[in-house]
């Protein structure tokens, strides 16, 4: 009896190992197939290259770059870069505004690959630089493409990035010192984060809040997003080169311990 039990258990263990091996092979094949599908699509870089003198938030110092070693003298090149975390196209983690919430290094890698949703209001922003995104804009997108998928990255397209790298053009400040650039609205953000369950959002301007608000140092919209323990991306580029729906976005940034923000690389994969 013991021999039979041992034999049966051994056979069961062998069968289980075959099942695991088959499952691993199937998973590997599935991932390989998925990669082949992705690589067959178009890649669009949604990131600005950063350097000293680029447009940035009004309270930030300029970037400094110092060459420490050169190929000619040392056989290799090393530069020292000194800039704030919120520099160029960058990630704002929740801890940027709220102590105790996620820092850069605490953002889940699964939240860096998402369905890409583009809310295109560039025509409206061209006519009214103070335009703020409306719930009607979201509903209009959904009439064309269906409900915004849970876990999506939603980007507001205004074509403001075409003003890059002219800092004055991006700020669009009038004679009275008031900034005029588009932004989000609280009803839209609450719809997206609380009802649609999106993972993150982004925009082409330096701020979440419209210029009329940031002139008065009102960053309540950005504070709301980060207060939900979600992150955002600012100063996106090339949103005019991607479709409103059907794409993916891959967002990467260094894993800065206790980081309050850092330059990001944002890549869309689109049909």
Protein backbone atom coordinates (compact mmCIF):
# COMPACT_ATOMS: atom_id res chain seq x y z
CA UNK A 1 0.00 0.00 0.00
CA UNK A 2 2.79 2.42 0.92
CA UNK A 3 4.54 1.69 -2.35
CA UNK A 4 1.33 2.33 -4.26
CA UNK A 5 0.74 5.59 -2.40
CA UNK A 6 4.33 6.64 -3.01
CA UNK A 7 3.99 5.80 -6.68
CA UNK A 8 0.67 7.63 -6.94
CA UNK A 9 2.07 10.69 -5.18
CA UNK A 10 5.12 10.63 -7.40
CA UNK A 11 2.94 10.43 -10.49
CA UNK A 12 0.78 13.29 -9.22
CA UNK A 13 3.84 15.41 -8.49
CA UNK A 14 5.21 14.72 -11.97
CA UNK A 15 1.87 15.63 -13.55
CA UNK A 16 1.75 18.82 -11.50
CA UNK A 17 5.26 19.76 -12.62
CA UNK A 18 4.25 19.17 -16.24
CA UNK A 19 1.23 21.44 -15.74
CA UNK A 20 3.37 24.17 -14.22
CA UNK A 21 5.92 23.86 -17.02
CA UNK A 22 3.15 24.00 -19.62
CA UNK A 23 1.65 27.05 -17.95
CA UNK A 24 5.05 28.77 -17.80
CA UNK A 25 5.62 28.02 -21.50
CA UNK A 26 2.17 29.34 -22.38
CA UNK A 27 2.74 32.50 -20.33
CA UNK A 28 6.12 33.08 -21.95
CA UNK A 29 4.61 32.57 -25.39
CA UNK A 30 1.78 34.96 -24.55
CA UNK A 31 4.20 37.66 -23.45
CA UNK A 32 6.33 37.11 -26.55
CA UNK A 33 3.23 37.41 -28.72
CA UNK A 34 2.16 40.54 -26.87
CA UNK A 35 5.58 42.11 -27.40
CA UNK A 36 5.43 41.32 -31.11
CA UNK A 37 2.02 43.02 -31.34
CA UNK A 38 3.27 46.10 -29.48
CA UNK A 39 6.44 46.36 -31.58
CA UNK A 40 4.35 46.29 -34.76
CA UNK A 41 2.69 49.55 -33.70
CA UNK A 42 3.91 53.14 -33.79
CA UNK A 43 5.88 54.62 -30.89
CA UNK A 44 5.50 58.32 -30.11
CA UNK A 45 7.70 60.13 -27.59
CA UNK A 46 5.53 62.42 -25.44
CA UNK A 47 8.57 63.87 -23.69
CA UNK A 48 10.45 67.15 -24.05
CA UNK A 49 14.25 67.00 -23.88
CA UNK A 50 15.36 69.05 -20.90
CA UNK A 51 18.29 71.43 -20.52
CA UNK A 52 19.09 74.72 -18.81
CA UNK A 53 16.70 77.49 -19.80
CA UNK A 54 13.64 75.38 -20.60
CA UNK A 55 10.16 76.52 -19.52
CA UNK A 56 9.40 75.72 -15.90
CA UNK A 57 7.25 76.62 -12.91
CA UNK A 58 7.63 80.27 -11.94
CA UNK A 59 9.18 79.49 -8.55
CA UNK A 60 11.87 77.09 -9.77
CA UNK A 61 15.56 77.92 -10.29
CA UNK A 62 17.25 77.18 -13.59
CA UNK A 63 19.11 73.93 -14.22
CA UNK A 64 22.90 73.89 -13.91
CA UNK A 65 25.15 71.46 -15.78
CA UNK A 66 28.82 70.96 -14.95
CA UNK A 67 31.22 68.73 -16.87
CA UNK A 68 33.35 66.77 -14.40
CA UNK A 69 35.21 64.48 -16.80
CA UNK A 70 35.81 64.59 -20.56
CA UNK A 71 36.59 61.91 -23.12
CA UNK A 72 39.58 63.90 -24.34
CA UNK A 73 41.17 64.24 -20.92
CA UNK A 74 39.87 61.27 -18.93
CA UNK A 75 38.69 58.74 -21.51
CA UNK A 76 35.06 59.10 -20.49
CA UNK A 77 32.49 61.84 -19.99
CA UNK A 78 30.50 62.56 -16.82
CA UNK A 79 28.24 65.55 -16.32
CA UNK A 80 26.74 66.77 -13.07
CA UNK A 81 23.11 67.91 -13.40
CA UNK A 82 21.52 70.15 -10.80
CA UNK A 83 17.79 70.76 -11.18
CA UNK A 84 14.60 70.51 -9.18
CA UNK A 85 12.51 67.34 -9.37
CA UNK A 86 9.74 69.10 -11.29
CA UNK A 87 11.94 69.74 -14.34
CA UNK A 88 10.93 69.27 -17.96
CA UNK A 89 8.35 66.57 -18.61
CA UNK A 90 8.06 65.22 -15.07
CA UNK A 91 6.14 63.10 -12.61
CA UNK A 92 4.36 64.65 -9.64
CA UNK A 93 3.84 61.94 -7.01
CA UNK A 94 1.23 62.39 -4.26
CA UNK A 95 3.98 63.30 -1.76
CA UNK A 96 4.70 66.43 -3.83
CA UNK A 97 1.72 68.03 -2.05
CA UNK A 98 0.81 65.63 0.75
CA UNK A 99 3.06 64.23 3.47
CA UNK A 100 2.56 60.53 4.08
CA UNK A 101 1.30 59.69 0.60
CA UNK A 102 3.24 57.92 -2.14
CA UNK A 103 6.69 59.18 -3.08
CA UNK A 104 8.28 58.55 -6.48
CA UNK A 105 9.79 55.24 -5.38
CA UNK A 106 6.45 54.01 -4.02
CA UNK A 107 4.53 54.26 -7.30
CA UNK A 108 3.53 50.75 -8.37
CA UNK A 109 5.21 49.67 -11.65
CA UNK A 110 1.82 48.32 -12.74
CA UNK A 111 0.63 51.93 -12.74
CA UNK A 112 3.21 52.90 -15.37
CA UNK A 113 1.62 51.03 -18.28
CA UNK A 114 -1.94 52.14 -19.06
CA UNK A 115 -4.59 52.61 -21.73
CA UNK A 116 -4.13 56.07 -23.21
CA UNK A 117 -7.06 58.49 -23.47
CA UNK A 118 -6.63 61.86 -25.19
CA UNK A 119 -9.22 64.57 -24.52
CA UNK A 120 -8.69 66.89 -27.46
CA UNK A 121 -9.69 70.51 -26.80
CA UNK A 122 -6.93 72.21 -28.76
CA UNK A 123 -9.40 74.12 -30.94
CA UNK A 124 -11.14 75.50 -27.86
CA UNK A 125 -7.82 76.43 -26.23
CA UNK A 126 -6.77 78.23 -29.42
CA UNK A 127 -9.87 80.41 -29.20
CA UNK A 128 -9.76 80.83 -25.42
CA UNK A 129 -6.37 80.42 -23.69
CA UNK A 130 -8.16 80.34 -20.32
CA UNK A 131 -10.21 77.30 -21.34
CA UNK A 132 -10.89 74.70 -18.65
CA UNK A 133 -11.88 71.13 -19.40
CA UNK A 134 -15.60 70.46 -18.96
CA UNK A 135 -17.65 67.38 -18.15
CA UNK A 136 -19.24 67.82 -21.58
CA UNK A 137 -15.78 67.29 -23.11
CA UNK A 138 -15.55 63.95 -21.30
CA UNK A 139 -19.06 62.89 -22.30
CA UNK A 140 -18.36 63.87 -25.90
CA UNK A 141 -15.27 61.61 -25.92
CA UNK A 142 -17.32 58.76 -24.48
CA UNK A 143 -20.01 59.16 -27.12
CA UNK A 144 -17.34 58.57 -29.76
CA UNK A 145 -15.25 55.90 -28.05
CA UNK A 146 -17.22 54.38 -25.17
CA UNK A 147 -16.70 54.70 -21.45
CA UNK A 148 -13.21 55.75 -20.37
CA UNK A 149 -11.54 52.51 -19.26
CA UNK A 150 -10.71 51.96 -15.63
CA UNK A 151 -6.98 52.33 -15.00
CA UNK A 152 -6.47 54.69 -17.95
CA UNK A 153 -4.06 57.59 -18.29
CA UNK A 154 -6.06 60.62 -19.40
CA UNK A 155 -4.19 63.45 -21.13
CA UNK A 156 -5.61 66.88 -21.91
CA UNK A 157 -4.55 67.94 -25.40
CA UNK A 158 -4.37 71.70 -25.87
CA UNK A 159 -1.36 71.89 -28.25
CA UNK A 160 0.22 74.20 -25.67
CA UNK A 161 3.39 72.15 -26.07
CA UNK A 162 3.87 73.70 -29.51
CA UNK A 163 4.90 76.87 -27.69
CA UNK A 164 7.91 75.01 -26.30
CA UNK A 165 10.64 76.06 -25.58
CA UNK A 166 9.41 79.67 -25.37
CA UNK A 167 8.82 80.22 -21.66
CA UNK A 168 7.00 83.50 -22.22
CA UNK A 169 4.67 81.92 -24.76
CA UNK A 170 3.81 79.06 -22.41
CA UNK A 171 3.18 81.40 -19.46
CA UNK A 172 1.22 83.81 -21.70
CA UNK A 173 1.31 86.57 -19.08
CA UNK A 174 -0.54 89.81 -19.75
CA UNK A 175 0.41 93.36 -18.79
CA UNK A 176 -1.27 92.95 -15.41
CA UNK A 177 0.85 89.89 -14.62
CA UNK A 178 -1.97 87.37 -15.08
CA UNK A 179 -1.12 84.03 -16.68
CA UNK A 180 -3.41 82.79 -19.45
CA UNK A 181 -3.18 79.07 -20.18
CA UNK A 182 -5.73 76.24 -20.09
CA UNK A 183 -6.30 73.79 -17.28
CA UNK A 184 -8.46 71.12 -15.73
CA UNK A 185 -11.63 71.60 -13.66
CA UNK A 186 -12.70 70.00 -10.40
CA UNK A 187 -15.89 68.40 -11.81
CA UNK A 188 -13.85 66.68 -14.54
CA UNK A 189 -11.18 65.45 -12.14
CA UNK A 190 -13.75 64.06 -9.72
CA UNK A 191 -15.54 62.30 -12.58
CA UNK A 192 -12.32 60.76 -13.83
CA UNK A 193 -10.76 59.71 -10.53
CA UNK A 194 -13.84 58.91 -8.45
CA UNK A 195 -16.26 57.53 -11.05
CA UNK A 196 -14.14 56.28 -13.96
CA UNK A 197 -11.30 55.06 -11.74
CA UNK A 198 -8.41 56.32 -13.85
CA UNK A 199 -4.84 55.74 -12.71
CA UNK A 200 -3.21 59.04 -13.67
CA UNK A 201 -3.56 62.17 -15.80
CA UNK A 202 -1.36 64.64 -17.61
CA UNK A 203 -1.21 67.87 -19.59
CA UNK A 204 1.05 70.00 -21.78
CA UNK A 205 1.13 73.08 -19.55
CA UNK A 206 3.32 73.71 -16.50
CA UNK A 207 0.37 73.31 -14.14
CA UNK A 208 -2.81 71.33 -13.58
CA UNK A 209 -4.68 74.49 -12.64
CA UNK A 210 -5.39 77.13 -15.29
CA UNK A 211 -3.17 80.20 -15.46
CA UNK A 212 -5.81 82.48 -13.95
CA UNK A 213 -5.67 80.34 -10.81
CA UNK A 214 -1.89 79.83 -10.58
CA UNK A 215 -1.43 83.59 -10.88
CA UNK A 216 -2.99 83.67 -7.40
CA UNK A 217 -0.97 80.64 -6.28
CA UNK A 218 -4.10 78.50 -6.37
CA UNK A 219 -3.08 74.89 -6.99
CA UNK A 220 -6.21 73.26 -5.59
CA UNK A 221 -6.75 71.02 -8.63
CA UNK A 222 -3.25 69.57 -8.46
CA UNK A 223 -3.68 69.14 -4.71
CA UNK A 224 -6.91 67.22 -5.33
CA UNK A 225 -5.30 64.76 -7.78
CA UNK A 226 -2.29 64.08 -5.58
CA UNK A 227 -4.52 63.88 -2.52
CA UNK A 228 -6.22 60.82 -4.04
CA UNK A 229 -2.78 59.13 -3.90
CA UNK A 230 -2.51 59.17 -7.69
CA UNK A 231 0.27 60.77 -9.70
CA UNK A 232 0.27 63.13 -12.67
CA UNK A 233 2.59 64.09 -15.54
CA UNK A 234 3.23 67.70 -16.54
CA UNK A 235 4.67 69.28 -19.69
CA UNK A 236 3.73 66.50 -22.11
CA UNK A 237 4.64 66.80 -25.79
CA UNK A 238 3.37 65.54 -29.15
CA UNK A 239 -0.20 64.78 -28.09
CA UNK A 240 -1.23 65.88 -31.58
CA UNK A 241 0.54 62.78 -32.95
CA UNK A 242 -1.57 60.20 -31.11
CA UNK A 243 -5.22 59.17 -31.54
CA UNK A 244 -7.91 59.94 -28.98
CA UNK A 245 -8.36 56.24 -28.18
CA UNK A 246 -6.82 52.85 -28.81
CA UNK A 247 -3.29 53.54 -27.61
CA UNK A 248 -1.15 52.61 -24.63
CA UNK A 249 1.19 54.80 -22.62
CA UNK A 250 4.36 53.72 -20.86
CA UNK A 251 5.67 56.13 -18.21
CA UNK A 252 9.12 55.72 -16.66
CA UNK A 253 11.24 57.68 -14.22
CA UNK A 254 14.17 56.95 -11.87
CA UNK A 255 13.37 55.34 -8.53
CA UNK A 256 14.34 58.27 -6.31
CA UNK A 257 14.10 57.31 -2.65
CA UNK A 258 11.51 59.49 -0.91
CA UNK A 259 11.31 61.47 -4.16
CA UNK A 260 8.92 64.41 -4.48
CA UNK A 261 9.17 64.50 -8.28
CA UNK A 262 11.57 63.82 -11.13
CA UNK A 263 11.92 64.13 -14.92
CA UNK A 264 9.99 61.37 -16.70
CA UNK A 265 10.07 59.63 -20.07
CA UNK A 266 6.59 59.15 -21.51
CA UNK A 267 6.08 56.93 -24.57
CA UNK A 268 2.82 56.21 -26.40
CA UNK A 269 2.24 53.05 -28.41
CA UNK A 270 -0.51 53.72 -30.93
CA UNK A 271 -2.22 52.10 -33.93
